[in-house]
Protein backbone atom coordinates (compact mmCIF):
# COMPACT_ATOMS: atom_id res chain seq x y z
CA MET A 1 3.45 -34.51 -7.08
CA ILE A 2 0.63 -35.59 -5.02
CA SER A 3 1.09 -38.75 -2.71
CA VAL A 4 0.64 -42.28 -4.03
CA ASP A 5 -0.68 -43.34 -0.60
CA LEU A 6 -3.47 -40.79 -0.99
CA ILE A 7 -4.24 -42.00 -4.21
CA ARG A 8 -4.62 -45.39 -2.74
CA LYS A 9 -6.66 -44.66 0.49
CA GLN A 10 -8.97 -42.14 -1.43
CA THR A 11 -9.13 -43.08 -4.79
CA ASP A 12 -12.55 -41.54 -5.45
CA LEU A 13 -11.80 -38.03 -3.59
CA VAL A 14 -8.80 -37.84 -6.03
CA GLN A 15 -10.49 -38.64 -8.90
CA GLU A 16 -13.17 -36.23 -7.84
CA LYS A 17 -11.08 -33.52 -7.66
CA LEU A 18 -9.12 -34.14 -10.99
CA THR A 19 -12.31 -33.92 -12.59
CA CYS A 20 -13.20 -30.82 -11.18
CA LYS A 21 -9.77 -29.33 -12.19
CA GLY A 22 -10.95 -30.47 -15.74
CA GLU A 23 -8.78 -33.59 -15.92
CA ASN A 24 -9.68 -36.74 -17.29
CA ILE A 25 -7.07 -39.17 -15.60
CA SER A 26 -7.56 -42.61 -15.00
CA LEU A 27 -6.05 -43.71 -11.90
CA ASP A 28 -6.67 -47.56 -12.42
CA ASN A 29 -3.17 -48.10 -13.93
CA LEU A 30 -1.21 -46.36 -11.47
CA LEU A 31 -3.02 -48.35 -8.79
CA LYS A 32 -2.30 -51.76 -10.60
CA LEU A 33 1.25 -50.73 -10.68
CA ASP A 34 1.24 -49.58 -6.99
CA GLY A 35 -0.32 -52.97 -5.99
CA GLU A 36 2.62 -55.05 -8.03
CA TYR A 37 5.10 -52.72 -6.53
CA ARG A 38 4.03 -53.19 -2.91
CA GLU A 39 3.58 -57.16 -3.63
CA HIS A 40 7.10 -57.52 -5.05
CA LEU A 41 8.51 -55.45 -2.12
CA SER A 42 6.38 -57.74 0.68
CA LYS A 43 7.87 -60.92 -1.05
CA ALA A 44 11.40 -59.58 -0.71
CA ASN A 45 10.66 -58.71 2.76
CA ASP A 46 9.46 -62.07 3.49
CA LEU A 47 12.61 -63.77 1.55
CA ARG A 48 14.81 -61.61 3.51
CA ALA A 49 13.48 -62.88 6.84
CA GLU A 50 13.70 -66.40 5.27
CA ARG A 51 17.28 -65.99 4.26
CA ASN A 52 18.26 -64.48 7.96
CA LYS A 53 16.57 -67.38 9.43
CA ALA A 54 18.52 -69.96 7.23
CA SER A 55 21.75 -67.89 8.06
CA GLU A 56 21.07 -68.58 11.76
CA ASP A 57 20.44 -72.36 11.24
CA ILE A 58 23.77 -72.52 8.68
CA ALA A 59 25.88 -70.90 11.81
CA LYS A 60 24.38 -73.34 14.18
CA ALA A 61 24.99 -76.34 11.86
CA LYS A 62 28.57 -75.10 11.15
CA ARG A 63 28.99 -74.78 15.20
CA ALA A 64 27.83 -78.39 15.64
CA GLY A 65 30.25 -79.66 12.83
CA GLU A 66 27.37 -80.39 10.53
CA ASN A 67 27.45 -80.30 6.49
CA ALA A 68 25.52 -76.95 5.69
CA ASN A 69 26.22 -77.03 1.86
CA GLU A 70 22.88 -77.89 0.87
CA ALA A 71 21.19 -74.73 3.09
CA ILE A 72 24.23 -72.47 1.82
CA SER A 73 23.11 -73.25 -1.74
CA ALA A 74 19.35 -72.71 -1.36
CA MET A 75 20.05 -69.72 0.71
CA ARG A 76 21.98 -68.31 -2.52
CA SER A 77 19.07 -69.18 -4.36
CA VAL A 78 17.11 -67.10 -2.12
CA GLY A 79 19.44 -64.16 -2.63
CA ASP A 80 18.86 -64.37 -6.06
CA GLU A 81 15.39 -64.14 -6.00
CA ILE A 82 15.55 -61.24 -3.58
CA LYS A 83 17.71 -59.28 -6.07
CA SER A 84 15.32 -59.78 -8.81
CA LEU A 85 12.06 -59.02 -6.73
CA GLU A 86 14.07 -55.53 -5.69
CA GLU A 87 15.16 -54.80 -9.65
CA LYS A 88 11.37 -55.12 -10.71
CA ALA A 89 10.25 -53.26 -7.65
CA GLN A 90 12.45 -50.36 -8.57
CA SER A 91 11.19 -50.79 -12.20
CA LEU A 92 7.91 -50.36 -11.07
CA LYS A 93 8.59 -47.61 -8.82
CA SER A 94 10.02 -45.78 -11.81
CA GLU A 95 6.78 -46.16 -13.60
CA ILE A 96 4.85 -45.11 -10.71
CA GLU A 97 7.04 -41.80 -10.27
CA GLU A 98 6.43 -41.10 -13.97
CA HIS A 99 2.51 -41.54 -13.74
CA LEU A 100 2.56 -39.04 -10.71
CA LEU A 101 4.71 -36.63 -12.53
CA GLY A 102 1.84 -36.20 -15.14
CA ILE A 103 -0.98 -35.85 -12.31
CA PRO A 104 -1.70 -32.10 -11.56
CA ASN A 105 -2.10 -30.98 -7.88
CA LEU A 106 -5.61 -31.08 -6.36
CA PRO A 107 -7.95 -28.01 -5.72
CA HIS A 108 -8.31 -26.92 -1.86
CA ASP A 109 -11.61 -27.63 -0.58
CA SER A 110 -12.16 -23.69 -0.54
CA VAL A 111 -11.45 -23.34 -4.26
CA PRO A 112 -14.72 -22.29 -6.27
CA THR A 113 -16.07 -24.95 -8.65
CA GLY A 114 -15.87 -23.72 -12.31
CA LYS A 115 -14.62 -25.00 -15.69
CA ASP A 116 -12.65 -21.91 -16.82
CA ALA A 117 -11.67 -18.24 -16.27
CA SER A 118 -15.56 -17.35 -16.77
CA ASP A 119 -16.23 -18.89 -13.43
CA ASN A 120 -13.55 -17.31 -11.63
CA VAL A 121 -14.57 -15.02 -8.36
CA GLU A 122 -13.80 -11.71 -8.00
CA VAL A 123 -12.80 -11.00 -4.29
CA ARG A 124 -12.57 -7.34 -4.18
CA GLN A 125 -11.56 -4.17 -6.13
CA TRP A 126 -9.26 -1.38 -4.83
CA GLY A 127 -8.94 2.10 -6.37
CA THR A 128 -11.36 3.68 -8.89
CA PRO A 129 -11.14 3.48 -12.98
CA LEU A 130 -9.51 6.80 -14.59
CA GLU A 131 -12.09 9.46 -15.74
CA SER A 132 -10.54 11.67 -18.44
CA ASP A 133 -12.12 14.80 -20.41
CA PHE A 134 -9.72 13.69 -23.27
CA GLU A 135 -9.44 10.73 -25.81
CA LEU A 136 -7.23 8.09 -23.81
CA LYS A 137 -4.26 6.73 -26.02
CA ASP A 138 -3.33 3.25 -25.69
CA HIS A 139 0.18 2.31 -24.23
CA LEU A 140 1.62 1.61 -27.91
CA THR A 141 0.85 4.86 -29.11
CA LEU A 142 2.08 6.49 -25.96
CA GLY A 143 5.18 4.78 -25.74
CA GLU A 144 5.97 4.89 -29.18
CA ASN A 145 5.33 8.80 -29.28
CA LEU A 146 7.92 9.19 -26.35
CA GLY A 147 10.47 6.65 -27.57
CA LEU A 148 10.19 4.69 -24.56
CA PHE A 149 10.46 1.47 -26.34
CA ASP A 150 10.98 -0.02 -29.90
CA PHE A 151 9.17 -3.17 -30.92
CA GLU A 152 9.97 -2.85 -34.61
CA ARG A 153 13.84 -3.23 -33.72
CA GLY A 154 13.62 -5.70 -30.85
CA ALA A 155 11.78 -7.91 -33.61
CA LYS A 156 14.54 -7.38 -36.09
CA ILE A 157 17.02 -8.56 -33.05
CA SER A 158 15.35 -11.55 -31.90
CA GLY A 159 11.63 -11.87 -33.74
CA SER A 160 8.54 -10.47 -32.26
CA GLY A 161 7.55 -11.00 -28.49
CA PHE A 162 11.30 -9.63 -27.63
CA PRO A 163 10.77 -5.91 -26.83
CA LEU A 164 13.61 -3.46 -26.83
CA TYR A 165 13.42 -0.69 -24.34
CA THR A 166 14.66 2.54 -25.00
CA GLY A 167 15.82 5.81 -23.27
CA ASN A 168 13.08 6.75 -20.64
CA GLY A 169 11.51 3.58 -21.14
CA ALA A 170 14.65 1.57 -20.33
CA LYS A 171 14.72 3.73 -17.16
CA LEU A 172 11.30 3.45 -16.02
CA GLU A 173 11.28 -0.55 -16.57
CA ARG A 174 14.73 -0.51 -14.15
CA ALA A 175 12.84 1.79 -11.90
CA LEU A 176 9.88 -0.40 -11.43
CA ILE A 177 12.27 -3.58 -10.78
CA ASN A 178 14.22 -1.74 -8.35
CA TYR A 179 11.21 -0.19 -6.56
CA MET A 180 9.26 -3.53 -6.12
CA LEU A 181 12.67 -5.18 -4.76
CA ASP A 182 12.90 -2.58 -2.26
CA VAL A 183 9.24 -2.57 -1.13
CA GLN A 184 9.30 -6.57 -0.58
CA THR A 185 12.79 -6.61 1.09
CA GLU A 186 12.50 -3.39 3.12
CA GLN A 187 8.75 -3.69 4.28
CA HIS A 188 7.89 -7.13 4.10
CA GLY A 189 10.94 -8.94 5.27
CA TYR A 190 11.70 -10.62 1.97
CA LYS A 191 15.25 -11.72 1.29
CA GLU A 192 16.58 -10.83 -1.97
CA VAL A 193 18.15 -13.30 -4.16
CA PHE A 194 19.66 -13.15 -7.67
CA PRO A 195 19.11 -16.55 -9.33
CA PRO A 196 20.57 -18.02 -12.60
CA PHE A 197 18.48 -17.33 -15.52
CA VAL A 198 18.85 -21.11 -16.89
CA VAL A 199 18.04 -24.56 -14.93
CA ARG A 200 18.61 -27.93 -15.02
CA SER A 201 15.75 -30.30 -15.95
CA ASP A 202 15.23 -31.85 -12.53
CA SER A 203 14.73 -28.23 -11.34
CA ALA A 204 12.36 -27.49 -13.85
CA THR A 205 10.53 -30.95 -12.62
CA THR A 206 10.34 -29.87 -9.10
CA THR A 207 8.12 -26.65 -9.90
CA GLY A 208 5.91 -28.56 -12.23
CA GLN A 209 7.25 -27.10 -15.53
CA LEU A 210 8.65 -30.37 -17.14
CA PRO A 211 7.84 -32.73 -18.25
CA LYS A 212 4.22 -31.66 -19.11
CA PHE A 213 4.84 -28.20 -20.36
CA ALA A 214 8.15 -28.45 -22.13
CA GLU A 215 6.97 -27.21 -25.18
CA ASP A 216 6.45 -23.67 -23.56
CA MET A 217 10.08 -23.42 -22.44
CA TYR A 218 13.17 -22.40 -24.26
CA PRO A 219 15.82 -25.46 -24.14
CA SER A 220 19.47 -25.19 -24.29
CA GLU A 221 19.92 -28.83 -25.73
CA LYS A 222 23.27 -29.13 -26.19
CA ASP A 223 23.66 -28.37 -22.54
CA GLY A 224 20.61 -29.88 -21.19
CA LEU A 225 19.42 -26.56 -19.60
CA TRP A 226 16.33 -24.45 -19.97
CA LEU A 227 15.61 -20.77 -19.92
CA ILE A 228 13.48 -19.92 -17.16
CA PRO A 229 9.75 -19.15 -17.30
CA THR A 230 9.85 -17.71 -14.08
CA ALA A 231 12.17 -16.84 -10.96
CA GLU A 232 9.86 -19.31 -9.25
CA VAL A 233 11.87 -22.24 -10.89
CA PRO A 234 15.63 -21.35 -9.64
CA VAL A 235 14.25 -20.00 -6.19
CA THR A 236 12.20 -23.01 -5.14
CA ASN A 237 15.07 -25.26 -6.03
CA ILE A 238 17.57 -23.51 -3.64
CA HIS A 239 16.33 -26.07 -0.79
CA LYS A 240 15.96 -28.85 -3.43
CA ASP A 241 16.93 -32.02 -1.40
CA GLU A 242 17.30 -30.75 1.86
CA ILE A 243 15.78 -30.95 5.34
CA LEU A 244 15.32 -27.68 7.03
CA SER A 245 14.79 -27.12 10.61
CA GLU A 246 11.42 -25.80 11.77
CA SER A 247 13.54 -22.96 13.52
CA GLN A 248 14.08 -21.77 10.01
CA LEU A 249 10.68 -21.28 8.64
CA PRO A 250 9.41 -19.31 7.33
CA ILE A 251 11.64 -18.45 4.60
CA ASN A 252 10.58 -15.76 2.10
CA TYR A 253 12.72 -15.03 -0.87
CA ALA A 254 12.26 -12.09 -3.59
CA ALA A 255 13.98 -12.22 -7.00
CA TYR A 256 14.11 -10.21 -10.03
CA SER A 257 14.64 -12.20 -13.40
CA ALA A 258 14.03 -12.11 -16.91
CA CYS A 259 11.46 -14.82 -17.73
CA PHE A 260 11.21 -16.61 -21.27
CA ARG A 261 8.16 -18.22 -22.47
CA ARG A 262 7.58 -19.89 -26.03
CA GLU A 263 3.83 -19.10 -25.28
CA ALA A 264 3.03 -22.49 -27.32
CA GLY A 265 -0.80 -22.53 -28.21
CA SER A 266 -1.18 -18.96 -27.58
CA TYR A 267 -1.69 -17.96 -31.23
CA GLY A 268 -4.62 -16.01 -31.96
CA LYS A 269 -4.55 -14.29 -28.53
CA ASP A 270 -3.83 -10.64 -28.06
CA THR A 271 -0.14 -9.98 -28.92
CA ARG A 272 -0.11 -6.47 -29.27
CA GLY A 273 2.55 -4.35 -27.54
CA PHE A 274 3.23 -5.46 -23.88
CA LEU A 275 0.15 -7.78 -23.62
CA ARG A 276 1.91 -10.91 -24.57
CA LEU A 277 5.73 -11.56 -24.67
CA HIS A 278 8.23 -14.22 -24.91
CA GLN A 279 10.69 -12.37 -22.78
CA PHE A 280 9.94 -10.09 -19.89
CA ASN A 281 10.66 -8.98 -16.32
CA LYS A 282 9.36 -9.79 -13.18
CA VAL A 283 9.98 -9.70 -9.37
CA GLU A 284 8.88 -12.77 -7.77
CA LEU A 285 8.12 -13.88 -4.28
CA VAL A 286 8.82 -17.56 -2.83
CA LYS A 287 7.79 -18.56 0.42
CA PHE A 288 8.85 -21.96 2.40
CA VAL A 289 6.23 -22.26 5.19
CA LYS A 290 4.97 -25.14 7.61
CA PRO A 291 1.75 -27.00 6.42
CA GLU A 292 -0.35 -25.59 8.83
CA THR A 293 0.46 -22.03 8.47
CA SER A 294 0.35 -22.25 4.45
CA TYR A 295 -3.20 -20.56 4.04
CA ASP A 296 -2.45 -17.53 6.07
CA ALA A 297 0.80 -17.31 4.17
CA LEU A 298 -0.95 -17.24 0.77
CA GLU A 299 -3.50 -14.49 2.13
CA ALA A 300 -0.31 -12.67 3.29
CA LEU A 301 1.30 -13.17 -0.15
CA VAL A 302 -1.48 -11.30 -2.07
CA THR A 303 -1.30 -8.41 0.13
CA HIS A 304 2.34 -7.92 -0.44
CA ALA A 305 1.72 -7.98 -4.17
CA GLU A 306 -1.15 -5.84 -3.56
CA ALA A 307 0.91 -2.96 -1.84
CA ILE A 308 2.75 -2.51 -5.24
CA LEU A 309 -0.24 -1.75 -6.86
CA GLN A 310 -1.71 0.39 -4.08
CA SER A 311 1.29 2.26 -3.79
CA LEU A 312 1.34 3.37 -7.43
CA GLU A 313 -2.33 4.14 -7.09
CA LEU A 314 -3.52 1.89 -9.92
CA HIS A 315 -7.21 0.37 -10.23
CA TYR A 316 -7.07 -3.56 -9.49
CA ARG A 317 -9.11 -6.44 -8.50
CA VAL A 318 -8.32 -9.70 -6.64
CA VAL A 319 -9.75 -12.64 -8.47
CA GLU A 320 -9.96 -16.32 -6.97
CA LEU A 321 -9.39 -18.88 -9.78
CA CYS A 322 -12.05 -21.70 -9.93
CA ALA A 323 -10.92 -25.23 -9.96
CA GLY A 324 -11.01 -25.59 -13.81
CA ASP A 325 -9.01 -22.47 -14.15
CA LEU A 326 -6.18 -23.67 -11.72
CA SER A 327 -2.68 -23.88 -12.84
CA PHE A 328 -1.26 -27.78 -12.90
CA SER A 329 0.99 -27.11 -9.67
CA ALA A 330 -1.44 -24.76 -7.80
CA ALA A 331 -4.02 -26.01 -5.04
CA LYS A 332 -5.43 -22.34 -4.62
CA CYS A 333 -4.38 -19.31 -6.68
CA TYR A 334 -5.57 -15.63 -6.67
CA ASP A 335 -4.83 -13.39 -9.52
CA LEU A 336 -4.45 -9.74 -9.14
CA GLU A 337 -5.60 -7.84 -12.56
CA LEU A 338 -5.08 -4.11 -13.56
CA TRP A 339 -7.51 -1.99 -15.06
CA ALA A 340 -5.78 -0.52 -18.23
CA PRO A 341 -7.96 2.28 -19.21
CA GLY A 342 -6.56 2.86 -22.75
CA GLU A 343 -7.03 -0.88 -23.66
CA GLY A 344 -10.26 -0.88 -21.84
CA LYS A 345 -9.81 -4.26 -20.06
CA TRP A 346 -8.29 -5.84 -17.21
CA LEU A 347 -4.83 -7.12 -17.59
CA GLU A 348 -3.48 -9.94 -14.98
CA VAL A 349 0.01 -8.83 -13.57
CA SER A 350 0.30 -11.61 -10.67
CA SER A 351 -0.57 -14.98 -9.87
CA CYS A 352 -0.38 -15.76 -6.09
CA SER A 353 -0.46 -19.74 -5.50
CA ASN A 354 -0.27 -22.26 -2.58
CA PHE A 355 1.39 -25.38 -3.83
CA GLU A 356 1.20 -27.13 -0.55
CA SER A 357 3.57 -30.36 -0.67
CA PHE A 358 3.25 -30.73 -4.56
CA GLN A 359 6.45 -29.00 -5.33
CA ALA A 360 8.17 -30.01 -2.36
CA ARG A 361 7.60 -33.83 -2.92
CA ARG A 362 8.92 -33.28 -6.32
CA GLY A 363 12.06 -31.60 -5.19
CA ASN A 364 12.26 -33.60 -1.98
CA ILE A 365 12.14 -30.15 0.28
CA ARG A 366 11.52 -31.20 3.88
CA TYR A 367 11.89 -29.70 7.73
CA ARG A 368 12.14 -31.50 10.79
CA ARG A 369 9.66 -30.84 13.44
CA GLU A 370 10.88 -29.66 17.08
CA ASP A 371 8.44 -31.30 19.01
CA ASP A 372 8.57 -35.03 17.81
CA LYS A 373 11.51 -34.58 15.33
CA LYS A 374 9.84 -36.12 12.52
CA VAL A 375 10.72 -35.08 8.75
CA LYS A 376 7.64 -33.74 6.72
CA PHE A 377 7.22 -32.15 3.37
CA ILE A 378 7.44 -28.45 3.46
CA HIS A 379 4.47 -26.17 1.74
CA THR A 380 5.82 -23.34 -0.91
CA LEU A 381 4.02 -20.81 -2.59
CA ASN A 382 4.73 -18.29 -4.81
CA GLY A 383 3.33 -15.08 -6.27
CA SER A 384 4.49 -12.26 -8.64
CA GLY A 385 5.32 -9.18 -7.15
CA VAL A 386 4.62 -8.15 -9.97
CA ALA A 387 5.50 -8.82 -13.80
CA THR A 388 6.28 -5.45 -15.35
CA PRO A 389 4.84 -5.88 -18.88
CA ARG A 390 1.19 -5.15 -18.10
CA LEU A 391 2.09 -2.98 -14.95
CA LEU A 392 3.72 -0.90 -17.56
CA VAL A 393 0.52 -0.89 -19.87
CA ALA A 394 -1.60 0.18 -16.86
CA LEU A 395 0.84 2.63 -15.70
CA LEU A 396 1.32 4.74 -19.02
CA GLU A 397 -2.45 4.57 -19.59
CA THR A 398 -3.37 5.58 -16.25
CA TYR A 399 -0.79 8.33 -15.86
CA GLN A 400 -1.16 9.91 -19.34
CA ASN A 401 -1.81 13.78 -20.09
CA GLU A 402 -3.63 15.44 -22.61
CA ASP A 403 -0.21 16.24 -24.42
CA GLY A 404 0.84 12.75 -24.25
CA SER A 405 3.24 13.12 -21.59
CA ILE A 406 3.25 10.69 -18.68
CA THR A 407 3.42 11.49 -14.87
CA VAL A 408 5.64 9.30 -13.19
CA PRO A 409 3.88 8.15 -9.91
CA LYS A 410 5.53 9.72 -6.84
CA PRO A 411 7.13 6.51 -5.46
CA LEU A 412 9.01 6.04 -8.68
CA GLN A 413 10.33 9.69 -9.10
CA PRO A 414 13.30 8.93 -6.92
CA TYR A 415 14.24 5.91 -9.20
CA VAL A 416 13.40 7.78 -12.43
CA GLY A 417 14.65 11.19 -11.69
CA ALA A 418 11.78 12.87 -13.10
CA GLU A 419 8.33 13.89 -12.42
CA VAL A 420 7.10 13.68 -15.73
CA LEU A 421 8.16 11.99 -18.97
CA HIS A 422 8.14 13.99 -22.19
């Protein structure tokens, strides 16, 4: 969440940045509640000072043998008033926090202005699009002919959007996951973790999925748990309610997980094959860094995700999201999009975001500075390194041969145990 202190001191700036993000949120009621909260705290503090002074006077009166009953009675009345003010202040604080949980993060000053994806800015491209002297097939045709997956039986088991990988398709999926984890841990210094795939509500609140996006998640209502939409959720919460030492930073985690998304509101969008799923696999990269280094860390994070695509020699581009296309929690974000020659379009395979202190405030994740010993909120970042479904689409379509076979990219051949899938 953003700081109520920032909202109070720079109301116009906050309102302007929320408008840039496409949010029509009034801050008036929040500021009114904040004013009442601080007024109640101030009155309670004044009464405590009054009570302390009265306690000293009562002690003096008793030592002098004087009757202090009236003063004691008055002090009890002041105590009751303090308790009432504190209870009201706590109630107001809860209302303020509820309001703050519904306010998105503010875009960084460097984020391009714009309303939606059409205003995003292409930063760079890598590689060249596939040129072929034969008619290209799409991933569905290729995969079904080779028996790599079976969407019909997957739907029979769980419904649409839940793929069933079979034979070499299952082996290729597993190869991609293992390869990506090995690259990030062995070449880029990430520590591998294997997190739970279900989380408590407070964990999903830390990362910003709750309360706003509950309809996009799969709940386990009986247990009060949620299936994770990304490993970002459990991994970010590893250090929830902790104070880290400055010497521990930065902390870099890489994690594989299955991801579960109801995709509420996505009806009518392209759902063919692997383009939009309810369950998919992903390797996630999560960083905990000092605030002054977080934007350098974001640039590094993007290159770590790019390294996967470059090593597989896939044509991709990096896109900087405009303010209106940023996610709820992100202050700045880059998307990595692969070119799928069979589909004839760009497919997003990674979003790399800096959340600044937004998630840290929600999850109370802090660190102690070495120079002045002050405790500050940490900055968190995450990026897909990368999601497998659309990666698989681009890979199959890029490495297809005229006879319908698939050449396995060289880095994956030791994992798959084959050079070509027939």
